Amino acid sequence: MQTGDPFKILGLQPGASPDEIRRAYRKLAKKYHPDRNPSAAAADQFIAIQSAYEQLLHPESIIDNTAVEQKYRARQQQYDRDLEAYKQRRAAAREKLRQQKQQEEAYKIAYLQQLKTGKIGLWHRAVAYFGLLLFAVLWLDFFLPERQQPIITDAYGIHSYGSVDNHLVQLFKSKDGRAFWVADYPSQKLPKTQLLKSIETPWLHQVKALTFHEGFYAYRTPVHFSFYWAQVWISFLLLLPIVAWYFASADIIFVAGSFVSRYAIFGLQLWLLISENRWIHLLSLGHL
């Protein structure tokens, strides 16, 4: 194959030494080798460099460079085919991922629509609005003036148990069937006290503490492990359904929030109303 002036191709002056030819060849071969430079022009240039090198250092071995050219052109063609196949696989994978995301999004939107418009949505809204009502009742009851109710001792415990902040509590039961964990006072001494009363919220009759007289002194001892004791945290749980409803979106957070609202929070509401006859207190505005 004719390659032109071999010295010019290698960037050398005529009469360059064999060492100069080898150095120029190595430098250019690194630059234009198909493994380093995949362009078609680089492949042609590399073939010319290879031919020029052979002409200058091994002129007796040059018969025909067609085989060399075909070899590198075949390598370049194979590289182009592999590159095109890779691009097609990548495009197919991206399209598949796009369709999968589109299907997932459509499923989420359809499920969200079902939650908001079907029977499940009606259930969720009922739990949400009732939870909002109970939240308002609990906080209103929390700040209203407290009331005192006389109680009569039915039974008491003799064992002390640990509570928060190193308080010791003992169990005390009254004749009306209620039980209290009295803090920082031996419950077995309560039957001997005078004017024993429970301090309660005016609406739901939730016991805050016990008050009594011992001699000339009046005492007030708090009650632990009661609903009132934890009602601040429980009241915020009642807001979960309304929050999940108004911030609904097509994602797993709303789905989980709806499920928890319809079962866990609904169960909490039922327990709150049934225990200690709170539903009667709620409907009677605290008169019963």
Protein backbone atom coordinates (compact mmCIF):
# COMPACT_ATOMS: atom_id res chain seq x y z
CA MET A 1 0.00 0.00 0.00
CA GLN A 2 1.33 3.48 -0.87
CA THR A 3 1.67 5.61 2.21
CA GLY A 4 3.58 8.59 0.87
CA ASP A 5 6.90 9.79 2.24
CA PRO A 6 7.59 7.60 5.28
CA PHE A 7 9.80 10.25 6.94
CA LYS A 8 7.07 12.85 6.58
CA ILE A 9 4.48 10.47 8.00
CA LEU A 10 6.65 9.86 11.06
CA GLY A 11 7.48 13.56 11.36
CA LEU A 12 11.21 13.04 10.70
CA GLN A 13 13.83 14.58 8.51
CA PRO A 14 15.23 12.43 5.66
CA GLY A 15 18.20 10.39 6.83
CA ALA A 16 16.96 10.01 10.45
CA SER A 17 18.70 7.29 12.46
CA PRO A 18 17.01 3.99 13.33
CA ASP A 19 16.70 5.09 17.00
CA GLU A 20 14.93 8.29 15.97
CA ILE A 21 12.61 6.27 13.73
CA ARG A 22 11.74 3.89 16.57
CA ARG A 23 11.07 6.74 19.02
CA ALA A 24 8.86 8.56 16.54
CA TYR A 25 7.01 5.35 15.74
CA ARG A 26 6.34 4.51 19.41
CA LYS A 27 5.11 8.01 20.10
CA LEU A 28 2.71 8.09 17.14
CA ALA A 29 1.58 4.49 17.63
CA LYS A 30 0.45 5.28 21.19
CA LYS A 31 -1.51 8.25 19.91
CA TYR A 32 -3.27 6.59 16.96
CA HIS A 33 -3.59 2.95 18.07
CA PRO A 34 -7.23 1.77 17.69
CA ASP A 35 -7.33 0.67 21.33
CA ARG A 36 -6.59 4.23 22.41
CA ASN A 37 -8.23 6.23 19.60
CA PRO A 38 -11.33 4.51 18.15
CA SER A 39 -12.00 7.01 15.32
CA ALA A 40 -11.81 5.89 11.67
CA ALA A 41 -9.27 8.60 10.83
CA ALA A 42 -6.99 7.37 13.61
CA ALA A 43 -7.17 3.82 12.25
CA ASP A 44 -6.09 5.01 8.79
CA GLN A 45 -3.30 7.07 10.32
CA PHE A 46 -2.09 4.12 12.37
CA ILE A 47 -1.93 1.93 9.27
CA ALA A 48 0.12 4.63 7.51
CA ILE A 49 2.47 4.92 10.51
CA GLN A 50 2.90 1.14 10.63
CA SER A 51 3.65 1.01 6.91
CA ALA A 52 6.13 3.91 7.09
CA TYR A 53 7.97 2.26 9.97
CA GLU A 54 8.25 -1.00 8.07
CA GLN A 55 9.46 0.80 4.94
CA LEU A 56 12.26 2.54 6.80
CA LEU A 57 13.52 -0.24 9.09
CA HIS A 58 12.47 -3.42 7.27
CA PRO A 59 12.12 -2.58 3.59
CA GLU A 60 12.90 -6.16 2.62
CA SER A 61 9.84 -7.50 4.46
CA ILE A 62 7.32 -5.21 2.78
CA ILE A 63 5.29 -7.11 0.25
CA ASP A 64 1.73 -5.95 0.73
CA ASN A 65 0.10 -4.10 3.63
CA THR A 66 -3.41 -4.94 2.56
CA ALA A 67 -3.71 -7.64 5.23
CA VAL A 68 -2.61 -5.17 7.92
CA GLU A 69 -5.13 -2.62 6.74
CA GLN A 70 -7.91 -5.19 6.64
CA LYS A 71 -7.05 -6.33 10.16
CA TYR A 72 -7.36 -2.89 11.69
CA ARG A 73 -10.38 -1.98 9.64
CA ALA A 74 -12.09 -5.19 10.80
CA ARG A 75 -11.24 -4.30 14.40
CA GLN A 76 -12.69 -0.83 13.92
CA GLN A 77 -15.86 -2.24 12.36
CA GLN A 78 -16.27 -4.71 15.25
CA TYR A 79 -15.83 -1.88 17.72
CA ASP A 80 -18.49 0.15 15.91
CA ARG A 81 -20.91 -2.79 15.95
CA ASP A 82 -20.30 -3.41 19.68
CA LEU A 83 -20.81 0.28 20.41
CA GLU A 84 -24.07 0.38 18.48
CA ALA A 85 -25.31 -2.79 20.22
CA TYR A 86 -24.47 -1.25 23.60
CA LYS A 87 -26.36 1.94 22.74
CA GLN A 88 -29.40 -0.09 21.70
CA ARG A 89 -29.35 -2.14 24.92
CA ARG A 90 -29.00 1.01 27.01
CA ALA A 91 -31.89 2.70 25.19
CA ALA A 92 -34.06 -0.42 25.64
CA ALA A 93 -33.23 -0.57 29.37
CA ARG A 94 -34.08 3.11 29.84
CA GLU A 95 -37.37 2.68 28.00
CA LYS A 96 -38.25 -0.34 30.11
CA LEU A 97 -37.45 1.59 33.30
CA ARG A 98 -39.54 4.54 32.09
CA GLN A 99 -42.52 2.30 31.38
CA GLN A 100 -42.14 0.58 34.75
CA LYS A 101 -42.11 3.92 36.58
CA GLN A 102 -45.10 5.06 34.55
CA GLN A 103 -47.03 1.93 35.50
CA GLU A 104 -46.10 2.31 39.18
CA GLU A 105 -47.19 5.94 39.15
CA ALA A 106 -50.50 5.04 37.50
CA TYR A 107 -51.08 2.32 40.11
CA LYS A 108 -50.32 4.71 42.95
CA ILE A 109 -52.67 7.35 41.58
CA ALA A 110 -55.46 4.80 41.08
CA TYR A 111 -54.96 3.43 44.61
CA LEU A 112 -54.93 6.93 46.05
CA GLN A 113 -58.16 7.70 44.21
CA GLN A 114 -59.70 4.53 45.65
CA LEU A 115 -58.64 5.51 49.17
CA LYS A 116 -60.11 8.99 48.81
CA THR A 117 -63.42 8.21 47.09
CA GLY A 118 -64.47 4.68 48.07
CA LYS A 119 -65.72 3.18 51.31
CA ILE A 120 -62.17 3.18 52.64
CA GLY A 121 -62.02 6.93 52.06
CA LEU A 122 -65.29 7.44 53.93
CA TRP A 123 -63.96 5.37 56.83
CA HIS A 124 -60.73 7.35 56.89
CA ARG A 125 -62.55 10.71 56.85
CA ALA A 126 -64.83 9.63 59.70
CA VAL A 127 -61.84 8.58 61.82
CA ALA A 128 -60.01 11.81 60.88
CA TYR A 129 -62.81 14.21 61.84
CA PHE A 130 -63.72 12.29 64.98
CA GLY A 131 -60.05 12.30 66.00
CA LEU A 132 -59.99 16.07 65.49
CA LEU A 133 -63.08 16.39 67.70
CA LEU A 134 -61.54 14.25 70.45
CA PHE A 135 -58.31 16.24 70.24
CA ALA A 136 -60.25 19.47 70.85
CA VAL A 137 -62.23 17.89 73.71
CA LEU A 138 -59.09 16.57 75.42
CA TRP A 139 -57.31 19.91 75.32
CA LEU A 140 -60.38 21.87 76.34
CA ASP A 141 -60.90 19.46 79.23
CA PHE A 142 -57.22 19.85 80.12
CA PHE A 143 -57.50 23.61 80.68
CA LEU A 144 -60.98 23.86 82.20
CA PRO A 145 -61.19 24.33 85.99
CA GLU A 146 -60.75 21.03 87.78
CA ARG A 147 -63.37 19.44 90.04
CA GLN A 148 -63.17 17.34 93.20
CA GLN A 149 -65.14 14.15 93.77
CA PRO A 150 -65.29 12.28 97.12
CA ILE A 151 -64.09 8.67 96.91
CA ILE A 152 -64.28 5.71 99.28
CA THR A 153 -61.51 3.18 99.71
CA ASP A 154 -62.14 -0.30 98.43
CA ALA A 155 -58.62 -1.83 98.38
CA TYR A 156 -54.99 -0.80 98.38
CA GLY A 157 -51.63 -2.28 97.55
CA ILE A 158 -48.63 -2.72 99.82
CA HIS A 159 -45.95 -3.04 97.16
CA SER A 160 -44.20 -0.03 95.65
CA TYR A 161 -43.13 0.24 92.05
CA GLY A 162 -40.87 2.66 90.26
CA SER A 163 -42.22 5.38 87.99
CA VAL A 164 -40.67 8.30 86.09
CA ASP A 165 -38.22 10.66 87.81
CA ASN A 166 -37.64 8.16 90.64
CA HIS A 167 -41.20 8.38 91.93
CA LEU A 168 -42.58 5.38 93.84
CA VAL A 169 -46.19 4.41 93.19
CA GLN A 170 -48.69 2.09 94.91
CA LEU A 171 -52.04 0.82 93.67
CA PHE A 172 -55.23 2.18 95.23
CA LYS A 173 -58.83 1.19 94.36
CA SER A 174 -62.02 3.07 95.14
CA LYS A 175 -65.58 1.82 95.59
CA ASP A 176 -66.65 3.15 92.18
CA GLY A 177 -64.38 0.57 90.52
CA ARG A 178 -61.55 2.89 89.54
CA ALA A 179 -57.90 2.16 90.27
CA PHE A 180 -55.13 4.73 90.73
CA TRP A 181 -51.37 4.52 90.94
CA VAL A 182 -50.71 6.91 93.80
CA ALA A 183 -47.28 8.54 93.80
CA ASP A 184 -45.08 9.32 96.80
CA TYR A 185 -47.61 8.30 99.47
CA PRO A 186 -48.34 4.85 100.96
CA SER A 187 -51.76 3.82 99.67
CA GLN A 188 -52.47 1.78 102.82
CA LYS A 189 -52.57 5.04 104.79
CA LEU A 190 -55.23 6.63 102.58
CA PRO A 191 -58.23 4.93 104.33
CA LYS A 192 -57.14 6.63 107.52
CA THR A 193 -57.11 10.11 106.03
CA GLN A 194 -59.99 12.60 106.08
CA LEU A 195 -61.83 14.21 103.15
CA LEU A 196 -60.31 11.86 100.56
CA LYS A 197 -61.20 13.15 97.11
CA SER A 198 -60.16 12.72 93.53
CA ILE A 199 -59.17 15.80 91.54
CA GLU A 200 -60.64 15.36 88.07
CA THR A 201 -61.08 17.17 84.79
CA PRO A 202 -64.63 18.61 84.54
CA TRP A 203 -65.69 17.01 81.26
CA LEU A 204 -64.18 13.52 80.91
CA HIS A 205 -63.63 13.01 84.67
CA GLN A 206 -59.98 12.11 84.23
CA VAL A 207 -58.21 11.84 87.57
CA LYS A 208 -55.21 14.13 87.97
CA ALA A 209 -54.43 13.55 91.65
CA LEU A 210 -55.84 12.64 95.05
CA THR A 211 -56.34 15.16 97.82
CA PHE A 212 -56.91 14.51 101.53
CA HIS A 213 -56.37 15.90 105.00
CA GLU A 214 -54.07 14.37 107.58
CA GLY A 215 -54.43 16.16 110.86
CA PHE A 216 -54.22 19.88 110.24
CA TYR A 217 -52.49 19.49 106.88
CA ALA A 218 -53.95 19.13 103.39
CA TYR A 219 -52.09 16.95 100.90
CA ARG A 220 -52.26 16.45 97.18
CA THR A 221 -50.56 13.43 95.66
CA PRO A 222 -50.34 12.89 91.86
CA VAL A 223 -51.67 9.84 90.06
CA HIS A 224 -49.40 8.02 87.57
CA PHE A 225 -50.07 5.62 84.67
CA SER A 226 -53.49 7.13 83.97
CA PHE A 227 -54.89 8.33 80.66
CA TYR A 228 -54.56 11.92 81.85
CA TRP A 229 -50.91 11.20 82.64
CA ALA A 230 -50.23 10.51 78.94
CA GLN A 231 -53.07 12.36 77.24
CA VAL A 232 -50.83 15.01 75.65
CA TRP A 233 -48.99 12.39 73.60
CA ILE A 234 -52.13 10.38 72.88
CA SER A 235 -53.97 13.50 71.70
CA PHE A 236 -51.37 14.11 69.01
CA LEU A 237 -51.83 10.54 67.77
CA LEU A 238 -55.47 11.40 67.19
CA LEU A 239 -54.35 14.00 64.61
CA LEU A 240 -52.60 11.43 62.43
CA PRO A 241 -55.68 10.60 60.29
CA ILE A 242 -56.43 14.26 59.47
CA VAL A 243 -52.77 14.93 58.66
CA ALA A 244 -52.56 11.83 56.46
CA TRP A 245 -55.73 12.91 54.65
CA TYR A 246 -54.84 16.52 53.88
CA PHE A 247 -51.25 15.71 52.94
CA ALA A 248 -52.26 12.68 50.87
CA SER A 249 -50.01 11.85 47.92
CA ALA A 250 -49.42 8.86 45.70
CA ASP A 251 -46.73 7.28 47.82
CA ILE A 252 -46.28 4.64 50.48
CA ILE A 253 -46.38 7.19 53.32
CA PHE A 254 -50.03 8.02 52.73
CA VAL A 255 -50.95 4.37 52.20
CA ALA A 256 -49.30 3.47 55.52
CA GLY A 257 -50.88 6.49 57.23
CA SER A 258 -54.32 5.51 55.94
CA PHE A 259 -53.92 1.92 57.13
CA VAL A 260 -52.74 3.01 60.60
CA SER A 261 -55.56 5.57 60.81
CA ARG A 262 -58.31 3.12 59.89
CA TYR A 263 -57.22 0.43 62.31
CA ALA A 264 -54.80 1.60 65.02
CA ILE A 265 -56.17 5.11 65.56
CA PHE A 266 -59.77 3.93 65.21
CA GLY A 267 -59.05 1.30 67.87
CA LEU A 268 -57.48 3.97 70.08
CA GLN A 269 -60.60 6.11 69.75
CA LEU A 270 -62.85 3.22 70.73
CA TRP A 271 -60.68 2.40 73.73
CA LEU A 272 -60.66 6.04 74.80
CA LEU A 273 -64.47 6.25 74.71
CA ILE A 274 -65.29 2.88 76.25
CA SER A 275 -62.77 2.87 79.10
CA GLU A 276 -63.93 4.64 82.28
CA ASN A 277 -67.27 5.42 80.57
CA ARG A 278 -65.81 8.45 78.79
CA TRP A 279 -68.47 8.26 76.09
CA ILE A 280 -71.11 8.96 78.75
CA HIS A 281 -69.09 11.90 80.10
CA LEU A 282 -68.55 13.17 76.56
CA LEU A 283 -72.22 13.11 75.59
CA SER A 284 -73.44 14.51 78.90
CA LEU A 285 -70.80 17.29 78.87
CA GLY A 286 -69.46 15.98 82.15
CA HIS A 287 -72.74 15.97 84.08
CA LEU A 288 -72.82 12.14 84.30
